[in-house]
């Protein structure tokens, strides 16, 4: 009976996500002022890109699939923007 091993890409993805998680937690305790939000969003975007590329398998897809994935992100941005405008304009 052979022993099952996960693919190398999944192991490196897991390690990268753990490293980014550790950096997020560590930087949460560092007083960076307004730069703290920029760093947190950059790390979060990097984690989302890794998850999309590996687990959604977007790294090996055709351009049409990437366009539709981008359209989904664009639509999410529109929804978040409209929700934020509603929140900011209320008294």
N, C-alpha and C. Protein backbone atom coordinates (compact mmCIF):
# COMPACT_ATOMS: atom_id res chain seq x y z
N UNK A 1 0.84 -1.16 0.00
CA UNK A 1 0.00 0.00 0.00
C UNK A 1 0.89 1.25 0.00
N UNK A 2 0.59 2.17 -0.89
CA UNK A 2 1.42 3.37 -0.98
C UNK A 2 0.87 4.46 -0.07
N UNK A 3 1.78 5.29 0.34
CA UNK A 3 1.42 6.40 1.23
C UNK A 3 1.02 7.61 0.40
N UNK A 4 -0.10 8.24 0.78
CA UNK A 4 -0.58 9.40 0.04
C UNK A 4 0.13 10.65 0.53
N UNK A 5 0.56 11.48 -0.41
CA UNK A 5 1.19 12.75 -0.08
C UNK A 5 0.49 13.86 -0.84
N UNK A 6 0.30 15.01 -0.20
CA UNK A 6 -0.35 16.12 -0.90
C UNK A 6 0.59 16.69 -1.96
N UNK A 7 0.03 17.30 -2.99
CA UNK A 7 0.88 17.93 -4.01
C UNK A 7 1.74 19.04 -3.40
N UNK A 8 2.89 19.23 -3.98
CA UNK A 8 3.86 20.20 -3.45
C UNK A 8 3.28 21.61 -3.49
N UNK A 9 2.51 21.94 -4.52
CA UNK A 9 1.93 23.28 -4.62
C UNK A 9 0.99 23.56 -3.45
N UNK A 10 0.25 22.56 -3.00
CA UNK A 10 -0.65 22.76 -1.87
C UNK A 10 0.11 22.97 -0.57
N UNK A 11 1.21 22.28 -0.41
CA UNK A 11 2.02 22.44 0.79
C UNK A 11 2.61 23.85 0.83
N UNK A 12 3.16 24.31 -0.31
CA UNK A 12 3.72 25.66 -0.35
C UNK A 12 2.64 26.72 -0.18
N UNK A 13 1.46 26.46 -0.71
CA UNK A 13 0.35 27.39 -0.52
C UNK A 13 -0.03 27.48 0.94
N UNK A 14 -0.11 26.36 1.59
CA UNK A 14 -0.45 26.33 3.00
C UNK A 14 0.60 27.08 3.82
N UNK A 15 1.87 26.86 3.52
CA UNK A 15 2.94 27.55 4.24
C UNK A 15 2.90 29.06 3.98
N UNK A 16 2.62 29.45 2.74
CA UNK A 16 2.55 30.88 2.42
C UNK A 16 1.38 31.53 3.14
N UNK A 17 0.23 30.85 3.18
CA UNK A 17 -0.92 31.41 3.88
C UNK A 17 -0.67 31.49 5.39
N UNK A 18 0.01 30.51 5.94
CA UNK A 18 0.36 30.58 7.36
C UNK A 18 1.33 31.72 7.64
N UNK A 19 2.30 31.93 6.75
CA UNK A 19 3.25 33.03 6.93
C UNK A 19 2.54 34.38 6.83
N UNK A 20 1.61 34.51 5.89
CA UNK A 20 0.86 35.76 5.78
C UNK A 20 -0.06 35.96 6.98
N UNK A 21 -0.62 34.89 7.50
CA UNK A 21 -1.44 34.99 8.70
C UNK A 21 -0.59 35.46 9.88
N UNK A 22 0.59 34.89 10.02
CA UNK A 22 1.48 35.31 11.11
C UNK A 22 1.90 36.77 10.96
N UNK A 23 2.14 37.19 9.73
CA UNK A 23 2.51 38.60 9.54
C UNK A 23 1.33 39.53 9.81
N UNK A 24 0.12 39.10 9.50
CA UNK A 24 -1.06 39.91 9.80
C UNK A 24 -1.23 40.07 11.31
N UNK A 25 -1.10 38.98 12.03
CA UNK A 25 -1.25 39.04 13.49
C UNK A 25 -0.13 39.86 14.11
N UNK A 26 1.08 39.69 13.63
CA UNK A 26 2.21 40.43 14.17
C UNK A 26 2.06 41.92 13.90
N UNK A 27 1.70 42.29 12.68
CA UNK A 27 1.58 43.70 12.34
C UNK A 27 0.36 44.37 12.97
N UNK A 28 -0.58 43.58 13.47
CA UNK A 28 -1.74 44.16 14.16
C UNK A 28 -1.31 44.80 15.48
N UNK A 29 -0.21 44.35 16.04
CA UNK A 29 0.28 44.89 17.31
C UNK A 29 1.34 45.97 17.12
N UNK A 30 1.73 46.25 15.88
CA UNK A 30 2.72 47.28 15.60
C UNK A 30 1.98 48.58 15.29
N UNK A 31 2.27 49.65 16.02
CA UNK A 31 1.57 50.92 15.75
C UNK A 31 2.12 51.61 14.50
N UNK A 32 1.42 51.45 13.38
CA UNK A 32 1.85 52.05 12.13
C UNK A 32 1.00 53.26 11.75
N UNK A 33 0.02 53.60 12.56
CA UNK A 33 -0.85 54.73 12.26
C UNK A 33 -1.79 54.41 11.11
N UNK A 34 -1.91 55.34 10.18
CA UNK A 34 -2.80 55.13 9.04
C UNK A 34 -2.22 54.11 8.05
N UNK A 35 -0.94 53.86 8.13
CA UNK A 35 -0.30 52.89 7.24
C UNK A 35 -0.70 51.46 7.60
N UNK A 36 -1.24 51.26 8.81
CA UNK A 36 -1.65 49.93 9.26
C UNK A 36 -2.74 49.35 8.37
N UNK A 37 -3.70 50.17 7.96
CA UNK A 37 -4.78 49.69 7.09
C UNK A 37 -4.24 49.29 5.72
N UNK A 38 -3.29 50.05 5.22
CA UNK A 38 -2.71 49.75 3.91
C UNK A 38 -1.98 48.42 3.94
N UNK A 39 -1.22 48.19 4.99
CA UNK A 39 -0.48 46.93 5.12
C UNK A 39 -1.45 45.75 5.27
N UNK A 40 -2.49 45.92 6.08
CA UNK A 40 -3.46 44.84 6.29
C UNK A 40 -4.20 44.52 4.99
N UNK A 41 -4.60 45.54 4.24
CA UNK A 41 -5.28 45.29 2.97
C UNK A 41 -4.35 44.65 1.94
N UNK A 42 -3.10 45.03 1.94
CA UNK A 42 -2.14 44.42 1.02
C UNK A 42 -1.94 42.94 1.33
N UNK A 43 -1.81 42.62 2.60
CA UNK A 43 -1.65 41.22 2.99
C UNK A 43 -2.92 40.44 2.67
N UNK A 44 -4.08 41.02 2.94
CA UNK A 44 -5.35 40.36 2.63
C UNK A 44 -5.53 40.12 1.15
N UNK A 45 -5.14 41.10 0.32
CA UNK A 45 -5.22 40.94 -1.12
C UNK A 45 -4.29 39.84 -1.61
N UNK A 46 -3.12 39.78 -1.03
CA UNK A 46 -2.17 38.72 -1.39
C UNK A 46 -2.72 37.34 -1.04
N UNK A 47 -3.32 37.22 0.14
CA UNK A 47 -3.92 35.94 0.53
C UNK A 47 -5.07 35.56 -0.40
N UNK A 48 -5.89 36.53 -0.76
CA UNK A 48 -7.01 36.25 -1.67
C UNK A 48 -6.50 35.83 -3.05
N UNK A 49 -5.43 36.46 -3.52
CA UNK A 49 -4.86 36.09 -4.82
C UNK A 49 -4.30 34.67 -4.79
N UNK A 50 -3.65 34.31 -3.69
CA UNK A 50 -3.12 32.94 -3.57
C UNK A 50 -4.25 31.92 -3.57
N UNK A 51 -5.31 32.21 -2.81
CA UNK A 51 -6.44 31.28 -2.75
C UNK A 51 -7.10 31.16 -4.12
N UNK A 52 -7.27 32.28 -4.82
CA UNK A 52 -7.89 32.25 -6.14
C UNK A 52 -7.02 31.48 -7.14
N UNK A 53 -5.73 31.71 -7.09
CA UNK A 53 -4.84 31.06 -8.05
C UNK A 53 -4.73 29.56 -7.82
N UNK A 54 -4.66 29.14 -6.56
CA UNK A 54 -4.42 27.73 -6.27
C UNK A 54 -5.72 26.95 -6.11
N UNK A 55 -6.58 27.39 -5.20
CA UNK A 55 -7.77 26.59 -4.88
C UNK A 55 -8.89 26.77 -5.89
N UNK A 56 -8.99 27.94 -6.51
CA UNK A 56 -9.98 28.13 -7.58
C UNK A 56 -9.38 27.75 -8.93
N UNK A 57 -8.13 27.37 -8.93
CA UNK A 57 -7.39 26.92 -10.11
C UNK A 57 -7.40 27.94 -11.25
N UNK A 58 -7.26 29.20 -10.91
CA UNK A 58 -7.25 30.25 -11.94
C UNK A 58 -5.89 30.40 -12.61
N UNK A 59 -4.86 29.82 -12.05
CA UNK A 59 -3.53 29.99 -12.65
C UNK A 59 -3.38 29.21 -13.96
N UNK A 60 -4.17 28.15 -14.14
CA UNK A 60 -4.04 27.32 -15.34
C UNK A 60 -5.25 27.44 -16.26
N UNK A 61 -5.99 28.53 -16.17
CA UNK A 61 -7.21 28.67 -16.95
C UNK A 61 -7.01 29.57 -18.15
N UNK A 62 -7.99 29.52 -19.03
CA UNK A 62 -7.97 30.34 -20.24
C UNK A 62 -8.33 31.78 -19.88
N UNK A 63 -8.01 32.70 -20.78
CA UNK A 63 -8.30 34.12 -20.51
C UNK A 63 -9.78 34.42 -20.28
N UNK A 64 -10.67 33.68 -20.92
CA UNK A 64 -12.10 33.94 -20.73
C UNK A 64 -12.51 33.67 -19.28
N UNK A 65 -11.98 32.62 -18.68
CA UNK A 65 -12.27 32.33 -17.29
C UNK A 65 -11.75 33.42 -16.38
N UNK A 66 -10.57 33.93 -16.68
CA UNK A 66 -10.00 35.02 -15.89
C UNK A 66 -10.83 36.29 -16.02
N UNK A 67 -11.38 36.54 -17.20
CA UNK A 67 -12.23 37.72 -17.39
C UNK A 67 -13.49 37.59 -16.54
N UNK A 68 -14.09 36.40 -16.51
CA UNK A 68 -15.29 36.21 -15.70
C UNK A 68 -14.99 36.29 -14.21
N UNK A 69 -13.84 35.80 -13.79
CA UNK A 69 -13.45 35.94 -12.38
C UNK A 69 -13.23 37.41 -12.04
N UNK A 70 -12.61 38.15 -12.95
CA UNK A 70 -12.44 39.59 -12.75
C UNK A 70 -13.76 40.33 -12.73
N UNK A 71 -14.71 39.89 -13.56
CA UNK A 71 -16.03 40.51 -13.57
C UNK A 71 -16.74 40.27 -12.24
N UNK A 72 -16.55 39.11 -11.66
CA UNK A 72 -17.14 38.85 -10.35
C UNK A 72 -16.55 39.75 -9.28
N UNK A 73 -15.25 39.95 -9.33
CA UNK A 73 -14.60 40.87 -8.39
C UNK A 73 -15.06 42.31 -8.61
N UNK A 74 -15.23 42.70 -9.87
CA UNK A 74 -15.72 44.03 -10.18
C UNK A 74 -17.13 44.23 -9.64
N UNK A 75 -17.98 43.24 -9.81
CA UNK A 75 -19.36 43.32 -9.30
C UNK A 75 -19.35 43.38 -7.77
N UNK A 76 -18.49 42.63 -7.13
CA UNK A 76 -18.37 42.70 -5.68
C UNK A 76 -17.95 44.11 -5.25
N UNK A 77 -17.03 44.71 -5.98
CA UNK A 77 -16.61 46.07 -5.68
C UNK A 77 -17.75 47.06 -5.81
N UNK A 78 -18.58 46.89 -6.84
CA UNK A 78 -19.74 47.77 -7.01
C UNK A 78 -20.69 47.62 -5.83
N UNK A 79 -20.97 46.39 -5.42
CA UNK A 79 -21.87 46.17 -4.30
C UNK A 79 -21.33 46.76 -3.01
N UNK A 80 -20.04 46.58 -2.76
CA UNK A 80 -19.44 47.16 -1.55
C UNK A 80 -19.47 48.68 -1.60
N UNK A 81 -19.21 49.25 -2.76
CA UNK A 81 -19.23 50.71 -2.91
C UNK A 81 -20.63 51.26 -2.67
N UNK A 82 -21.65 50.63 -3.26
CA UNK A 82 -23.02 51.10 -3.05
C UNK A 82 -23.44 50.95 -1.59
N UNK A 83 -23.07 49.88 -0.97
CA UNK A 83 -23.38 49.70 0.45
C UNK A 83 -22.69 50.74 1.32
N UNK A 84 -21.46 51.06 0.98
CA UNK A 84 -20.72 52.06 1.75
C UNK A 84 -21.30 53.45 1.54
N UNK A 85 -21.74 53.75 0.33
CA UNK A 85 -22.36 55.06 0.07
C UNK A 85 -23.66 55.20 0.85
N UNK A 86 -24.42 54.13 0.95
CA UNK A 86 -25.64 54.17 1.74
C UNK A 86 -25.31 54.40 3.21
N UNK A 87 -24.30 53.75 3.71
CA UNK A 87 -23.89 53.89 5.11
C UNK A 87 -23.37 55.30 5.39
N UNK A 88 -22.59 55.86 4.48
CA UNK A 88 -21.97 57.17 4.71
C UNK A 88 -22.96 58.32 4.55
N UNK A 89 -24.02 58.15 3.81
CA UNK A 89 -24.94 59.26 3.59
C UNK A 89 -26.10 59.32 4.58
N UNK A 90 -26.20 58.34 5.45
CA UNK A 90 -27.26 58.37 6.46
C UNK A 90 -26.85 59.28 7.61
N UNK A 91 -27.86 59.91 8.22
CA UNK A 91 -27.56 60.81 9.35
C UNK A 91 -27.81 60.12 10.67
